[in-house]
Structure formats: structure tokens, C-alpha cells
C-alpha atoms as a PDB file:
ATOM      1  CA  MET A   1     -37.093  17.348 -61.972  1.00  0.00           C
ATOM      2  CA  SER A   2     -33.503  16.156 -62.022  1.00  0.00           C
ATOM      3  CA  SER A   3     -32.598  12.771 -60.548  1.00  0.00           C
ATOM      4  CA  ASP A   4     -30.348  14.458 -57.970  1.00  0.00           C
ATOM      5  CA  SER A   5     -33.023  16.909 -56.791  1.00  0.00           C
ATOM      6  CA  SER A   6     -35.595  14.129 -56.622  1.00  0.00           C
ATOM      7  CA  ARG A   7     -33.219  11.961 -54.623  1.00  0.00           C
ATOM      8  CA  TYR A   8     -32.658  14.838 -52.167  1.00  0.00           C
ATOM      9  CA  LYS A   9     -36.405  15.424 -51.846  1.00  0.00           C
ATOM     10  CA  PHE A  10     -37.216  11.771 -51.194  1.00  0.00           C
ATOM     11  CA  LYS A  11     -34.351  11.387 -48.742  1.00  0.00           C
ATOM     12  CA  HIS A  12     -35.377  14.349 -46.618  1.00  0.00           C
ATOM     13  CA  HIS A  13     -39.164  14.023 -46.856  1.00  0.00           C
ATOM     14  CA  PRO A  14     -39.343  11.766 -43.733  1.00  0.00           C
ATOM     15  CA  GLU A  15     -37.868  14.536 -41.597  1.00  0.00           C
ATOM     16  CA  THR A  16     -40.934  16.695 -42.338  1.00  0.00           C
ATOM     17  CA  CYS A  17     -43.350  14.071 -40.965  1.00  0.00           C
ATOM     18  CA  ASP A  18     -44.573  13.468 -37.451  1.00  0.00           C
ATOM     19  CA  PRO A  19     -42.049  11.242 -35.636  1.00  0.00           C
ATOM     20  CA  GLU A  20     -44.775   8.635 -35.071  1.00  0.00           C
ATOM     21  CA  ASP A  21     -46.174   8.755 -38.624  1.00  0.00           C
ATOM     22  CA  TYR A  22     -44.284   5.693 -39.794  1.00  0.00           C
ATOM     23  CA  TRP A  23     -46.285   5.126 -42.996  1.00  0.00           C
ATOM     24  CA  GLY A  24     -46.228   8.802 -43.908  1.00  0.00           C
ATOM     25  CA  GLN A  25     -42.446   8.841 -43.556  1.00  0.00           C
ATOM     26  CA  VAL A  26     -42.160   6.256 -46.340  1.00  0.00           C
ATOM     27  CA  LYS A  27     -45.046   7.680 -48.393  1.00  0.00           C
ATOM     28  CA  ARG A  28     -47.289   4.681 -47.886  1.00  0.00           C
ATOM     29  CA  THR A  29     -50.235   7.042 -48.146  1.00  0.00           C
ATOM     30  CA  VAL A  30     -53.403   7.814 -50.112  1.00  0.00           C
ATOM     31  CA  ASN A  31     -54.203  11.502 -50.573  1.00  0.00           C
ATOM     32  CA  GLY A  32     -51.668  12.300 -47.886  1.00  0.00           C
ATOM     33  CA  LYS A  33     -53.205   9.939 -45.302  1.00  0.00           C
ATOM     34  CA  PRO A  34     -51.532   6.711 -44.112  1.00  0.00           C
ATOM     35  CA  VAL A  35     -52.972   3.595 -45.736  1.00  0.00           C
ATOM     36  CA  SER A  36     -55.209   1.397 -43.618  1.00  0.00           C
ATOM     37  CA  PRO A  37     -54.093  -1.724 -41.729  1.00  0.00           C
ATOM     38  CA  GLU A  38     -56.093  -3.737 -44.279  1.00  0.00           C
ATOM     39  CA  GLN A  39     -53.970  -2.315 -47.103  1.00  0.00           C
ATOM     40  CA  ILE A  40     -50.757  -3.087 -45.202  1.00  0.00           C
ATOM     41  CA  GLY A  41     -52.056  -6.615 -44.693  1.00  0.00           C
ATOM     42  CA  LEU A  42     -52.553  -7.026 -48.451  1.00  0.00           C
ATOM     43  CA  ILE A  43     -48.977  -5.866 -49.057  1.00  0.00           C
ATOM     44  CA  VAL A  44     -47.486  -8.164 -46.426  1.00  0.00           C
ATOM     45  CA  ASP A  45     -49.471 -11.204 -47.571  1.00  0.00           C
ATOM     46  CA  SER A  46     -48.512 -10.635 -51.208  1.00  0.00           C
ATOM     47  CA  ILE A  47     -44.822 -10.344 -50.370  1.00  0.00           C
ATOM     48  CA  ARG A  48     -44.847 -13.414 -48.151  1.00  0.00           C
ATOM     49  CA  ASP A  49     -46.624 -15.460 -50.816  1.00  0.00           C
ATOM     50  CA  GLY A  50     -44.465 -14.154 -53.658  1.00  0.00           C
ATOM     51  CA  LEU A  51     -41.201 -14.791 -51.846  1.00  0.00           C
ATOM     52  CA  GLN A  52     -42.476 -18.091 -50.415  1.00  0.00           C
ATOM     53  CA  LEU A  53     -41.072 -16.728 -47.186  1.00  0.00           C
ATOM     54  CA  GLY A  54     -40.437 -19.428 -44.597  1.00  0.00           C
ATOM     55  CA  SER A  55     -39.188 -19.627 -41.043  1.00  0.00           C
ATOM     56  CA  ASP A  56     -35.642 -20.499 -42.168  1.00  0.00           C
ATOM     57  CA  ASP A  57     -35.312 -17.689 -44.695  1.00  0.00           C
ATOM     58  CA  VAL A  58     -33.031 -14.695 -44.182  1.00  0.00           C
ATOM     59  CA  LEU A  59     -34.407 -11.557 -45.839  1.00  0.00           C
ATOM     60  CA  LEU A  60     -32.548  -8.641 -47.404  1.00  0.00           C
ATOM     61  CA  ASP A  61     -34.807  -5.595 -47.714  1.00  0.00           C
ATOM     62  CA  LEU A  62     -33.288  -3.027 -50.070  1.00  0.00           C
ATOM     63  CA  CYS A  63     -34.482   0.562 -49.544  1.00  0.00           C
ATOM     64  CA  CYS A  64     -36.236  -0.571 -46.377  1.00  0.00           C
ATOM     65  CA  GLY A  65     -37.129   2.913 -45.184  1.00  0.00           C
ATOM     66  CA  ASN A  66     -37.930   3.015 -41.477  1.00  0.00           C
ATOM     67  CA  GLY A  67     -38.477  -0.733 -41.116  1.00  0.00           C
ATOM     68  CA  ALA A  68     -42.238  -0.495 -40.567  1.00  0.00           C
ATOM     69  CA  LEU A  69     -42.933  -2.912 -43.430  1.00  0.00           C
ATOM     70  CA  THR A  70     -39.777  -4.953 -42.928  1.00  0.00           C
ATOM     71  CA  SER A  71     -40.717  -5.762 -39.345  1.00  0.00           C
ATOM     72  CA  HIS A  72     -43.935  -7.467 -40.502  1.00  0.00           C
ATOM     73  CA  LEU A  73     -41.868  -9.726 -42.755  1.00  0.00           C
ATOM     74  CA  PHE A  74     -39.201 -10.466 -40.148  1.00  0.00           C
ATOM     75  CA  ASP A  75     -42.056 -11.910 -38.075  1.00  0.00           C
ATOM     76  CA  GLY A  76     -42.347 -14.761 -40.584  1.00  0.00           C
ATOM     77  CA  CYS A  77     -38.696 -15.653 -41.130  1.00  0.00           C
ATOM     78  CA  ALA A  78     -35.338 -15.975 -39.392  1.00  0.00           C
ATOM     79  CA  GLY A  79     -34.656 -12.232 -39.599  1.00  0.00           C
ATOM     80  CA  GLY A  80     -32.303 -10.417 -41.894  1.00  0.00           C
ATOM     81  CA  LEU A  81     -31.125  -6.953 -42.865  1.00  0.00           C
ATOM     82  CA  GLY A  82     -32.797  -3.754 -43.998  1.00  0.00           C
ATOM     83  CA  VAL A  83     -30.685  -1.271 -45.977  1.00  0.00           C
ATOM     84  CA  ASP A  84     -31.518   2.372 -46.656  1.00  0.00           C
ATOM     85  CA  TYR A  85     -29.599   5.563 -47.500  1.00  0.00           C
ATOM     86  CA  SER A  86     -31.627   7.820 -45.179  1.00  0.00           C
ATOM     87  CA  GLU A  87     -29.954   8.438 -41.836  1.00  0.00           C
ATOM     88  CA  PHE A  88     -33.283   9.578 -40.393  1.00  0.00           C
ATOM     89  CA  LEU A  89     -35.161   6.425 -41.463  1.00  0.00           C
ATOM     90  CA  ILE A  90     -32.441   4.024 -40.347  1.00  0.00           C
ATOM     91  CA  GLU A  91     -32.363   5.741 -36.957  1.00  0.00           C
ATOM     92  CA  VAL A  92     -36.136   5.187 -36.692  1.00  0.00           C
ATOM     93  CA  ALA A  93     -35.748   1.563 -37.795  1.00  0.00           C
ATOM     94  CA  ASN A  94     -33.095   0.790 -35.206  1.00  0.00           C
ATOM     95  CA  ARG A  95     -34.940   2.641 -32.435  1.00  0.00           C
ATOM     96  CA  ARG A  96     -38.480   1.476 -33.167  1.00  0.00           C
ATOM     97  CA  PHE A  97     -38.389  -1.763 -35.151  1.00  0.00           C
ATOM     98  CA  SER A  98     -35.159  -3.615 -34.322  1.00  0.00           C
ATOM     99  CA  ARG A  99     -36.308  -6.121 -31.710  1.00  0.00           C
ATOM    100  CA  ASN A 100     -33.474  -8.647 -31.517  1.00  0.00           C
ATOM    101  CA  PRO A 101     -29.991  -9.270 -32.977  1.00  0.00           C
ATOM    102  CA  SER A 102     -31.422 -11.136 -35.976  1.00  0.00           C
ATOM    103  CA  GLU A 103     -33.260  -7.994 -37.166  1.00  0.00           C
ATOM    104  CA  ARG A 104     -30.715  -5.443 -38.353  1.00  0.00           C
ATOM    105  CA  TYR A 105     -30.886  -2.115 -40.168  1.00  0.00           C
ATOM    106  CA  LEU A 106     -27.910  -0.580 -41.957  1.00  0.00           C
ATOM    107  CA  LEU A 107     -27.246   2.892 -43.326  1.00  0.00           C
ATOM    108  CA  ALA A 108     -26.001   2.275 -46.876  1.00  0.00           C
ATOM    109  CA  ASP A 109     -26.798   2.924 -50.517  1.00  0.00           C
ATOM    110  CA  ALA A 110     -28.788  -0.057 -51.786  1.00  0.00           C
ATOM    111  CA  LEU A 111     -26.927  -0.480 -55.081  1.00  0.00           C
ATOM    112  CA  ASP A 112     -23.551  -0.118 -53.389  1.00  0.00           C
ATOM    113  CA  TYR A 113     -24.563  -2.762 -50.862  1.00  0.00           C
ATOM    114  CA  VAL A 114     -25.610  -5.160 -53.622  1.00  0.00           C
ATOM    115  CA  LEU A 115     -22.297  -4.694 -55.421  1.00  0.00           C
ATOM    116  CA  ASN A 116     -19.960  -4.506 -52.419  1.00  0.00           C
ATOM    117  CA  GLY A 117     -21.758  -5.524 -49.220  1.00  0.00           C
ATOM    118  CA  GLN A 118     -20.333  -8.165 -46.928  1.00  0.00           C
ATOM    119  CA  ASN A 119     -21.683 -11.688 -46.412  1.00  0.00           C
ATOM    120  CA  PRO A 120     -24.048 -11.857 -49.401  1.00  0.00           C
ATOM    121  CA  GLY A 121     -24.301 -15.620 -48.908  1.00  0.00           C
ATOM    122  CA  GLU A 122     -26.370 -15.284 -45.735  1.00  0.00           C
ATOM    123  CA  PHE A 123     -29.521 -14.156 -47.561  1.00  0.00           C
ATOM    124  CA  THR A 124     -32.118 -16.392 -49.210  1.00  0.00           C
ATOM    125  CA  LYS A 125     -34.817 -13.880 -50.211  1.00  0.00           C
ATOM    126  CA  VAL A 126     -34.684 -10.219 -51.325  1.00  0.00           C
ATOM    127  CA  LEU A 127     -37.284  -7.451 -51.286  1.00  0.00           C
ATOM    128  CA  CYS A 128     -37.270  -4.012 -52.905  1.00  0.00           C
ATOM    129  CA  TYR A 129     -40.670  -2.435 -52.307  1.00  0.00           C
ATOM    130  CA  GLY A 130     -41.576   0.944 -53.743  1.00  0.00           C
ATOM    131  CA  ALA A 131     -38.044   2.024 -54.661  1.00  0.00           C
ATOM    132  CA  PHE A 132     -37.057   0.121 -57.813  1.00  0.00           C
ATOM    133  CA  PRO A 133     -38.704   2.653 -60.196  1.00  0.00           C
ATOM    134  CA  TYR A 134     -36.280   5.321 -58.942  1.00  0.00           C
ATOM    135  CA  PHE A 135     -33.270   3.405 -60.251  1.00  0.00           C
ATOM    136  CA  GLY A 136     -32.397   4.365 -63.820  1.00  0.00           C
ATOM    137  CA  PRO A 137     -31.874   1.692 -66.481  1.00  0.00           C
ATOM    138  CA  ASP A 138     -28.162   1.212 -65.806  1.00  0.00           C
ATOM    139  CA  ALA A 139     -28.553   1.155 -62.023  1.00  0.00           C
ATOM    140  CA  ALA A 140     -31.526  -1.219 -62.212  1.00  0.00           C
ATOM    141  CA  ARG A 141     -29.602  -3.584 -64.478  1.00  0.00           C
ATOM    142  CA  SER A 142     -26.559  -3.446 -62.202  1.00  0.00           C
ATOM    143  CA  MET A 143     -28.695  -4.219 -59.163  1.00  0.00           C
ATOM    144  CA  LEU A 144     -30.357  -7.251 -60.736  1.00  0.00           C
ATOM    145  CA  ARG A 145     -27.080  -8.558 -62.119  1.00  0.00           C
ATOM    146  CA  GLY A 146     -25.324  -8.006 -58.799  1.00  0.00           C
ATOM    147  CA  LEU A 147     -28.009  -9.883 -56.906  1.00  0.00           C
ATOM    148  CA  ASN A 148     -27.790 -12.770 -59.357  1.00  0.00           C
ATOM    149  CA  ARG A 149     -23.995 -12.923 -59.310  1.00  0.00           C
ATOM    150  CA  ARG A 150     -23.107 -12.247 -55.661  1.00  0.00           C
ATOM    151  CA  PHE A 151     -26.151 -13.494 -53.733  1.00  0.00           C
ATOM    152  CA  GLY A 152     -25.947 -17.132 -54.700  1.00  0.00           C
ATOM    153  CA  ARG A 153     -28.407 -18.479 -52.114  1.00  0.00           C
ATOM    154  CA  VAL A 154     -31.185 -16.058 -53.074  1.00  0.00           C
ATOM    155  CA  THR A 155     -33.992 -17.895 -54.857  1.00  0.00           C
ATOM    156  CA  HIS A 156     -36.681 -15.193 -54.981  1.00  0.00           C
ATOM    157  CA  LEU A 157     -36.651 -11.418 -55.420  1.00  0.00           C
ATOM    158  CA  TYR A 158     -39.811  -9.329 -54.938  1.00  0.00           C
ATOM    159  CA  LEU A 159     -40.120  -5.944 -56.644  1.00  0.00           C
ATOM    160  CA  GLY A 160     -43.123  -4.004 -55.381  1.00  0.00           C
ATOM    161  CA  GLN A 161     -45.145  -0.980 -56.505  1.00  0.00           C
ATOM    162  CA  LEU A 162     -43.938  -0.752 -60.114  1.00  0.00           C
ATOM    163  CA  PRO A 163     -45.744   1.868 -62.235  1.00  0.00           C
ATOM    164  CA  ASP A 164     -47.269   0.029 -65.205  1.00  0.00           C
ATOM    165  CA  LYS A 165     -46.589   1.915 -68.432  1.00  0.00           C
ATOM    166  CA  SER A 166     -49.329  -0.010 -70.222  1.00  0.00           C
ATOM    167  CA  ARG A 167     -51.866   1.481 -67.782  1.00  0.00           C
ATOM    168  CA  ILE A 168     -50.415   4.970 -67.448  1.00  0.00           C
ATOM    169  CA  GLY A 169     -53.695   6.556 -68.566  1.00  0.00           C
ATOM    170  CA  ARG A 170     -55.413   5.179 -65.476  1.00  0.00           C
ATOM    171  CA  PHE A 171     -53.164   7.350 -63.313  1.00  0.00           C
ATOM    172  CA  PHE A 172     -52.950  10.498 -65.445  1.00  0.00           C
ATOM    173  CA  THR A 173     -56.673  11.124 -65.685  1.00  0.00           C
ATOM    174  CA  ASP A 174     -56.617  14.935 -65.517  1.00  0.00           C
ATOM    175  CA  ARG A 175     -53.520  15.640 -67.636  1.00  0.00           C
ATOM    176  CA  ASP A 176     -51.091  13.982 -70.001  1.00  0.00           C
ATOM    177  CA  PRO A 177     -47.681  13.058 -68.629  1.00  0.00           C
ATOM    178  CA  ALA A 178     -45.007  15.596 -69.502  1.00  0.00           C
ATOM    179  CA  PRO A 179     -42.640  14.623 -72.327  1.00  0.00           C
ATOM    180  CA  GLY A 180     -40.157  12.086 -70.961  1.00  0.00           C
ATOM    181  CA  GLU A 181     -41.837  11.946 -67.536  1.00  0.00           C
ATOM    182  CA  ALA A 182     -42.584   8.225 -67.728  1.00  0.00           C
ATOM    183  CA  ASP A 183     -38.941   7.481 -68.547  1.00  0.00           C
ATOM    184  CA  ASP A 184     -37.459   9.660 -65.813  1.00  0.00           C
ATOM    185  CA  PRO A 185     -36.404   7.848 -62.612  1.00  0.00           C
ATOM    186  CA  GLY A 186     -36.335  11.250 -60.927  1.00  0.00           C
ATOM    187  CA  SER A 187     -40.017  11.970 -61.579  1.00  0.00           C
ATOM    188  CA  LEU A 188     -42.736  11.697 -58.954  1.00  0.00           C
ATOM    189  CA  LEU A 189     -43.404   7.982 -59.521  1.00  0.00           C
ATOM    190  CA  GLY A 190     -40.075   7.122 -61.075  1.00  0.00           C
ATOM    191  CA  LEU A 191     -39.567   5.154 -64.263  1.00  0.00           C
ATOM    192  CA  TRP A 192     -42.652   3.448 -65.725  1.00  0.00           C
ATOM    193  CA  ARG A 193     -42.233  -0.013 -67.276  1.00  0.00           C
ATOM    194  CA  THR A 194     -44.641  -2.505 -68.783  1.00  0.00           C
ATOM    195  CA  PRO A 195     -44.570  -6.025 -67.345  1.00  0.00           C
ATOM    196  CA  ASP A 196     -42.909  -7.163 -70.589  1.00  0.00           C
ATOM    197  CA  GLU A 197     -40.195  -4.504 -70.254  1.00  0.00           C
ATOM    198  CA  LEU A 198     -39.554  -5.577 -66.674  1.00  0.00           C
ATOM    199  CA  ALA A 199     -39.383  -9.206 -67.793  1.00  0.00           C
ATOM    200  CA  ALA A 200     -36.792  -8.342 -70.459  1.00  0.00           C
ATOM    201  CA  LEU A 201     -34.702  -6.422 -67.925  1.00  0.00           C
ATOM    202  CA  ALA A 202     -34.857  -9.358 -65.536  1.00  0.00           C
ATOM    203  CA  GLU A 203     -33.965 -11.890 -68.222  1.00  0.00           C
ATOM    204  CA  ASP A 204     -30.910  -9.871 -69.211  1.00  0.00           C
ATOM    205  CA  ALA A 205     -29.742 -10.126 -65.578  1.00  0.00           C
ATOM    206  CA  GLY A 206     -30.364 -13.878 -65.239  1.00  0.00           C
ATOM    207  CA  TRP A 207     -33.862 -13.848 -63.734  1.00  0.00           C
ATOM    208  CA  THR A 208     -37.342 -14.873 -64.814  1.00  0.00           C
ATOM    209  CA  ALA A 209     -40.040 -12.363 -63.855  1.00  0.00           C
ATOM    210  CA  ARG A 210     -43.666 -13.125 -63.031  1.00  0.00           C
ATOM    211  CA  PRO A 211     -45.991 -10.105 -62.751  1.00  0.00           C
ATOM    212  CA  ILE A 212     -48.442  -9.851 -59.861  1.00  0.00           C
ATOM    213  CA  HIS A 213     -51.557  -7.695 -60.040  1.00  0.00           C
ATOM    214  CA  GLN A 214     -53.178  -6.834 -56.740  1.00  0.00           C
ATOM    215  CA  PRO A 215     -56.958  -7.152 -56.218  1.00  0.00           C
ATOM    216  CA  ASP A 216     -59.167  -4.189 -57.051  1.00  0.00           C
ATOM    217  CA  ARG A 217     -59.524  -3.268 -53.380  1.00  0.00           C
ATOM    218  CA  PHE A 218     -55.810  -2.439 -53.228  1.00  0.00           C
ATOM    219  CA  PHE A 219     -55.364   1.328 -53.430  1.00  0.00           C
ATOM    220  CA  ALA A 220     -52.876   1.329 -56.339  1.00  0.00           C
ATOM    221  CA  SER A 221     -54.050  -1.724 -58.269  1.00  0.00           C
ATOM    222  CA  HIS A 222     -55.281   0.331 -61.231  1.00  0.00           C
ATOM    223  CA  TYR A 223     -51.833   1.579 -62.264  1.00  0.00           C
ATOM    224  CA  ARG A 224     -49.152  -0.478 -60.503  1.00  0.00           C
ATOM    225  CA  PHE A 225     -47.972  -4.072 -60.487  1.00  0.00           C
ATOM    226  CA  ASP A 226     -45.508  -6.172 -58.508  1.00  0.00           C
ATOM    227  CA  ALA A 227     -43.131  -8.818 -59.796  1.00  0.00           C
ATOM    228  CA  VAL A 228     -41.485 -11.944 -58.418  1.00  0.00           C
ATOM    229  CA  LEU A 229     -38.102 -12.792 -59.914  1.00  0.00           C
ATOM    230  CA  THR A 230     -36.624 -16.276 -59.756  1.00  0.00           C
ATOM    231  CA  ARG A 231     -33.337 -17.514 -61.125  1.00  0.00           C
ATOM    232  CA  ARG A 232     -33.503 -18.383 -64.804  1.00  0.00           C
ATOM    233  CA  ARG A 233     -32.803 -22.029 -65.431  1.00  0.00           C
ATOM    234  CA  ALA A 234     -29.868 -22.838 -67.671  1.00  0.00           C
ATOM    235  CA  GLY A 235     -30.740 -24.252 -71.065  1.00  0.00           C
END
């Protein structure tokens, strides 16, 4: 699967879902069924704890989808901005989940926003949940460097749902991955990295990465991990 064809497929998948199937639109599903409220609660709690999200924080959610997850996080902070490249999902976000002027959703490419977006100094925390594996090595490096360089008030960055290359056999139980599949950001789950590889990528961009492994009751705990990035201290 080429990166371009995968990008097209992911972008237009939400349009094939029921208009009220908010978790299905962003593929927060297990065997095609939306995950349970308990699972969403685990995700929200982990992000809040990892970001140390407080009432004064302003959140930037990159690749926010339809805002269904973002809205849970806006409840615990001063609001912020969700960015996504899908016209369909941003329309849903603004219609269904934008509740006041402090909760905004913008149609834009996430990497372009990081490199060129206006008012980067307003944000204190950043989230990219479920989308980072679909950025190739150069794009991922550019994103992390751009966040470090331009978003000077950001102290914490949360990367969620990263396929763990060291546990790839726990996902591919009925077949071996195709040659190059784990290194292809256009594949079904995107680019697989070990926690150490993610840490090296983060360090190169000026961050220190701490891996987070969800409890066993989380639906993807056996093959995914999250990571919290904080600014690397000089010296």
C-alpha cells in the first residue's frame, strides 16, 4: 500500500460510517465495534496524567479527528485547538463538539500547522493520539523539531497508540508481516518503532521520551505503547 493511497483511505473512511458513530469514524474500534466507555476512560485518564493537564493549560491536539476524544480533554483545561486534514471530521467536530469559543477545530495538515501555524505561543500541552505512526521518519522528525522550536511554552507532548516493534509478534499471530510492512507509514498500523527507537527520535529533536504501557485490560496493551515527551534539559 502506498503512503498516498493509505492517506486517501484513512481520510475518507469516516464518510462511510454512520453520522453518529463518532468512535467508528476515527477507528477507535475493536473488531469493527466502537470501544467501550471504560476503554475511553482509560485513554482520557492516561493522557491527562501524562500531560499533567491542568485547568490553566491550553491544548493543541494534532490529528484530532472529529473531536470526540479532544472534547473529554478540553473539559479539564482552558480549551485549545484541534487540527485535522479531514473536512468531514472537522465539520463533525465543529458541529458536535465545539461548545464555546475556547474550544476550536481547524481544517489543516498537522505537520504544516506545526511548521507554519499562527500563535504557537498560546499552547502549553500537545497531543497526537493514534496518528504519529503514519508520519514517515522525515515528517516525524520535522514535527518533533518544529514543536520544540516554535512552541516554546509547551512542556509536555503525548504520543498515543504507537505500535511497538519489539512486540510485533503479539499482533501478527496468524501470519508474518510482509517485507517492509513494519517500516511503512502507509501500512495498516503505520510505522512500528520500539520504545528505544522512539526515544532516539525524540532526543534528536530536543525531547526526552518516557514510554507508557497501558494495563492489561486496555484493548491494545499487548502490542502498543504511549509516550510522554518533555523538553530535554541542557547540559
